Amino acid sequence: MNPVLEAKNINKFFRKPVLFQALKDISFSVAKGEFASIMGKSGCGKSTLLYILSTMDTDYEGELFLNGELISGKTKNELATIRNEHIGFVFQFHYLLPEFTILENVMLPAKKLGIKSLEEIEHDAMEKLKLLHIEEQALKIASRISGGQKQRVAIARALINNPTIIMGDEPTGNLDSHNADNVFNIFKELREEQKLSLLVVTHDKDFADKTDRIIEMGDGMII
């Protein structure tokens, strides 16, 4: 079975202020429906790797495949479309637009993709909010809800285009243990019910221990 995401011999160099190799020959894959986490000390290259895997950083050596297709070397516009269609993001900070409603925030990536009508997008956004048990907050302004609720909205937004994989960069880093557990359980449900693949960079050992596999990093390498 084809992996959803595959990295082959990824090397990353920073050239300023001095030449520094941030990633050294990274190869691994994420299977369909797998929930994997990346752990390692600060500065080991976790976030650098995630930026490459998420197609945001294209300045690297090696090959990256998404759904079996080679995506290294594609143009910025092609990558933006691929990212919007296939990758959902959940960050440590939810990056919601504070003056927009919850519903409007969730609709944004689908409006950007521009495939569905506004009515369809609104319907899909409500469905995602229901999935995360936050639909009753749909018309509230984003600045008016709690931190735990904001992270749920951020997950709903990541799901709006029915991505192949969700990538998280410290998605529980800003939450207390109760809300961190909630986020983990939501991810687990998504994997079980929607067969979604998940790849999460985390410092939270308790969180990582519950995932299917921990990819341990140190000094720019997978240990």
Protein backbone atom coordinates (compact mmCIF):
# COMPACT_ATOMS: atom_id res chain seq x y z
CA MET A 1 0.00 0.00 0.00
CA ASN A 2 1.32 3.44 -0.94
CA PRO A 3 2.26 5.70 1.95
CA VAL A 4 0.39 9.00 2.14
CA LEU A 5 3.60 10.92 2.77
CA GLU A 6 7.14 9.84 2.00
CA ALA A 7 10.44 11.67 2.52
CA LYS A 8 13.54 10.31 0.79
CA ASN A 9 17.05 11.47 1.70
CA ILE A 10 16.04 14.97 2.78
CA ASN A 11 18.98 17.29 3.50
CA LYS A 12 18.62 20.93 4.52
CA PHE A 13 21.37 23.53 4.72
CA PHE A 14 21.25 27.02 6.16
CA ARG A 15 23.91 29.13 4.48
CA LYS A 16 23.78 32.26 6.65
CA PRO A 17 25.45 33.42 8.84
CA VAL A 18 27.57 30.28 8.40
CA LEU A 19 26.98 27.01 6.57
CA PHE A 20 24.98 24.71 8.82
CA GLN A 21 23.32 21.39 7.99
CA ALA A 22 19.96 21.34 9.77
CA LEU A 23 18.67 18.03 8.40
CA LYS A 24 20.81 15.03 7.52
CA ASP A 25 19.54 12.36 5.16
CA ILE A 26 15.99 12.06 6.54
CA SER A 27 13.92 9.20 5.14
CA PHE A 28 10.60 7.94 6.49
CA SER A 29 6.96 7.57 5.48
CA VAL A 30 3.50 7.90 6.99
CA ALA A 31 0.92 5.27 6.08
CA LYS A 32 -2.75 5.93 5.41
CA GLY A 33 -4.59 6.13 8.71
CA GLU A 34 -1.38 6.29 10.76
CA PHE A 35 -0.99 8.71 13.68
CA ALA A 36 2.74 9.45 14.02
CA SER A 37 4.53 11.95 16.24
CA ILE A 38 7.95 13.57 15.93
CA MET A 39 9.88 14.21 19.14
CA GLY A 40 13.31 15.55 20.01
CA LYS A 41 15.08 18.31 21.90
CA SER A 42 14.68 21.96 20.89
CA GLY A 43 16.83 22.75 17.87
CA CYS A 44 17.03 19.16 16.62
CA GLY A 45 15.27 20.07 13.35
CA LYS A 46 11.65 19.00 14.04
CA SER A 47 9.99 22.21 12.89
CA THR A 48 12.43 22.61 9.99
CA LEU A 49 11.43 19.13 8.82
CA LEU A 50 7.72 19.86 9.23
CA TYR A 51 8.04 23.01 7.08
CA ILE A 52 9.59 20.92 4.31
CA LEU A 53 7.03 18.12 4.62
CA SER A 54 4.22 20.66 4.51
CA THR A 55 5.64 22.08 1.21
CA MET A 56 6.13 25.54 2.78
CA ASP A 57 9.93 25.31 2.50
CA THR A 58 11.20 24.22 -0.92
CA ASP A 59 14.90 24.89 -0.37
CA TYR A 60 16.11 21.35 0.39
CA GLU A 61 17.80 18.35 -1.23
CA GLY A 62 16.00 15.03 -1.58
CA GLU A 63 12.54 13.92 -2.63
CA LEU A 64 9.11 14.37 -1.13
CA PHE A 65 6.07 12.34 -2.21
CA LEU A 66 2.43 12.99 -1.36
CA ASN A 67 -0.09 10.29 -2.26
CA GLY A 68 2.60 8.60 -4.35
CA GLU A 69 3.25 11.73 -6.44
CA LEU A 70 6.65 13.45 -6.45
CA ILE A 71 6.04 17.02 -5.28
CA SER A 72 9.66 18.22 -5.00
CA GLY A 73 10.45 20.71 -7.74
CA LYS A 74 6.89 21.88 -8.35
CA THR A 75 6.16 25.60 -8.67
CA LYS A 76 4.97 27.73 -5.73
CA ASN A 77 1.46 27.91 -7.25
CA GLU A 78 1.25 24.15 -7.79
CA LEU A 79 2.41 23.59 -4.21
CA ALA A 80 -0.13 26.07 -2.84
CA THR A 81 -2.92 24.10 -4.52
CA ILE A 82 -1.55 20.75 -3.31
CA ARG A 83 -1.23 22.12 0.21
CA ASN A 84 -4.73 23.52 0.23
CA GLU A 85 -6.28 20.31 -1.10
CA HIS A 86 -4.31 17.64 0.72
CA ILE A 87 -2.74 19.02 3.90
CA GLY A 88 -4.52 20.34 6.98
CA PHE A 89 -2.52 22.34 9.54
CA VAL A 90 -2.92 22.73 13.28
CA PHE A 91 -0.37 24.96 15.00
CA GLN A 92 0.45 25.76 18.62
CA PHE A 93 -1.29 29.12 18.12
CA HIS A 94 -4.64 28.74 16.43
CA TYR A 95 -4.21 31.73 14.06
CA LEU A 96 -7.95 32.39 13.91
CA LEU A 97 -9.02 35.77 12.56
CA PRO A 98 -10.35 37.36 15.75
CA GLU A 99 -12.93 39.64 14.11
CA PHE A 100 -14.48 36.81 12.02
CA THR A 101 -17.05 34.35 13.29
CA ILE A 102 -16.12 30.73 14.02
CA LEU A 103 -18.00 29.65 10.89
CA GLU A 104 -16.21 32.20 8.68
CA ASN A 105 -12.82 31.09 10.02
CA VAL A 106 -13.55 27.44 9.20
CA MET A 107 -14.80 28.33 5.70
CA LEU A 108 -11.66 30.29 4.71
CA PRO A 109 -9.44 27.49 3.26
CA ALA A 110 -12.37 26.15 1.19
CA LYS A 111 -13.13 29.62 -0.17
CA LYS A 112 -9.46 29.93 -1.08
CA LEU A 113 -9.57 26.58 -2.91
CA GLY A 114 -12.64 27.82 -4.77
CA ILE A 115 -14.05 24.45 -5.87
CA LYS A 116 -17.41 24.50 -4.09
CA SER A 117 -20.22 27.03 -3.94
CA LEU A 118 -20.55 29.26 -0.89
CA GLU A 119 -23.63 27.30 0.27
CA GLU A 120 -21.74 23.99 0.03
CA ILE A 121 -18.78 25.45 1.90
CA GLU A 122 -21.00 26.78 4.68
CA HIS A 123 -22.71 23.38 4.95
CA ASP A 124 -19.33 21.57 5.09
CA ALA A 125 -18.04 24.01 7.71
CA MET A 126 -21.08 23.34 9.93
CA GLU A 127 -20.53 19.58 9.52
CA LYS A 128 -16.91 19.94 10.66
CA LEU A 129 -17.98 22.04 13.65
CA LYS A 130 -20.53 19.34 14.55
CA LEU A 131 -17.79 16.71 14.31
CA LEU A 132 -15.88 18.72 16.93
CA HIS A 133 -18.97 19.38 19.08
CA ILE A 134 -18.68 23.14 18.79
CA GLU A 135 -21.44 23.91 16.27
CA GLU A 136 -23.41 25.93 18.82
CA GLN A 137 -20.56 28.49 18.80
CA ALA A 138 -20.65 28.90 14.99
CA LEU A 139 -21.84 32.51 14.93
CA LYS A 140 -19.70 33.75 17.81
CA ILE A 141 -16.76 36.04 17.05
CA ALA A 142 -13.51 34.06 17.33
CA SER A 143 -12.02 36.38 19.96
CA ARG A 144 -14.91 35.52 22.33
CA ILE A 145 -14.28 31.81 22.89
CA SER A 146 -11.87 29.90 25.18
CA GLY A 147 -8.41 28.60 24.23
CA GLY A 148 -9.57 24.99 24.12
CA GLN A 149 -12.49 25.94 21.87
CA LYS A 150 -10.20 27.95 19.59
CA GLN A 151 -8.03 24.88 19.05
CA ARG A 152 -11.15 22.85 18.13
CA VAL A 153 -12.06 25.52 15.60
CA ALA A 154 -8.51 25.39 14.22
CA ILE A 155 -8.90 21.61 13.77
CA ALA A 156 -12.27 22.09 12.03
CA ARG A 157 -10.61 24.60 9.70
CA ALA A 158 -7.80 22.12 8.98
CA LEU A 159 -10.43 19.53 7.99
CA ILE A 160 -12.58 21.70 5.71
CA ASN A 161 -11.02 20.56 2.41
CA ASN A 162 -11.00 16.87 3.49
CA PRO A 163 -7.20 16.63 3.50
CA THR A 164 -5.22 13.41 3.17
CA ILE A 165 -3.01 14.27 6.13
CA ILE A 166 -3.16 16.61 9.11
CA MET A 167 0.15 18.09 10.25
CA GLY A 168 0.48 19.60 13.70
CA ASP A 169 3.24 21.78 15.11
CA GLU A 170 2.97 21.59 18.91
CA PRO A 171 -0.87 21.62 18.68
CA THR A 172 -1.21 21.12 22.45
CA GLY A 173 1.73 23.37 23.40
CA ASN A 174 -0.53 26.16 24.56
CA LEU A 175 -3.18 24.06 26.30
CA ASP A 176 -3.67 22.70 29.82
CA SER A 177 -3.65 18.91 30.26
CA HIS A 178 -7.45 18.61 30.05
CA ASN A 179 -7.61 20.42 26.69
CA ALA A 180 -4.47 18.63 25.47
CA ASP A 181 -6.23 15.30 26.14
CA ASN A 182 -9.26 16.59 24.24
CA VAL A 183 -7.14 17.44 21.21
CA PHE A 184 -5.49 14.02 21.31
CA ASN A 185 -8.89 12.30 21.47
CA ILE A 186 -10.18 14.36 18.55
CA PHE A 187 -7.14 13.35 16.47
CA LYS A 188 -7.62 9.71 17.44
CA GLU A 189 -11.28 9.81 16.41
CA LEU A 190 -10.39 11.40 13.08
CA ARG A 191 -7.92 8.64 12.41
CA GLU A 192 -10.40 5.92 13.35
CA GLU A 193 -13.53 7.35 11.74
CA GLN A 194 -12.18 9.31 8.76
CA LYS A 195 -9.05 7.16 8.17
CA LEU A 196 -7.00 10.35 8.29
CA SER A 197 -3.22 10.30 8.58
CA LEU A 198 -1.68 12.53 11.23
CA LEU A 199 1.87 13.74 11.77
CA VAL A 200 2.43 15.84 14.89
CA VAL A 201 5.58 17.54 16.18
CA THR A 202 5.33 17.65 19.97
CA HIS A 203 7.29 18.14 23.18
CA ASP A 204 4.52 16.42 25.11
CA LYS A 205 5.73 12.91 25.98
CA ASP A 206 2.29 11.81 27.25
CA PHE A 207 0.77 12.86 23.93
CA ALA A 208 3.48 11.15 21.84
CA ASP A 209 3.31 7.92 23.87
CA LYS A 210 -0.34 7.49 22.83
CA THR A 211 0.36 7.84 19.09
CA ASP A 212 1.00 4.83 16.82
CA ARG A 213 4.67 5.63 16.37
CA ILE A 214 7.22 8.11 17.68
CA ILE A 215 9.84 9.36 15.23
CA GLU A 216 12.71 10.43 17.47
CA MET A 217 15.01 13.15 16.17
CA GLY A 218 18.43 14.38 17.33
CA ASP A 219 20.98 16.67 15.64
CA GLY A 220 19.04 16.83 12.38
CA MET A 221 18.72 13.06 12.06
CA ILE A 222 16.17 10.41 12.83
CA ILE A 223 17.59 8.37 15.69
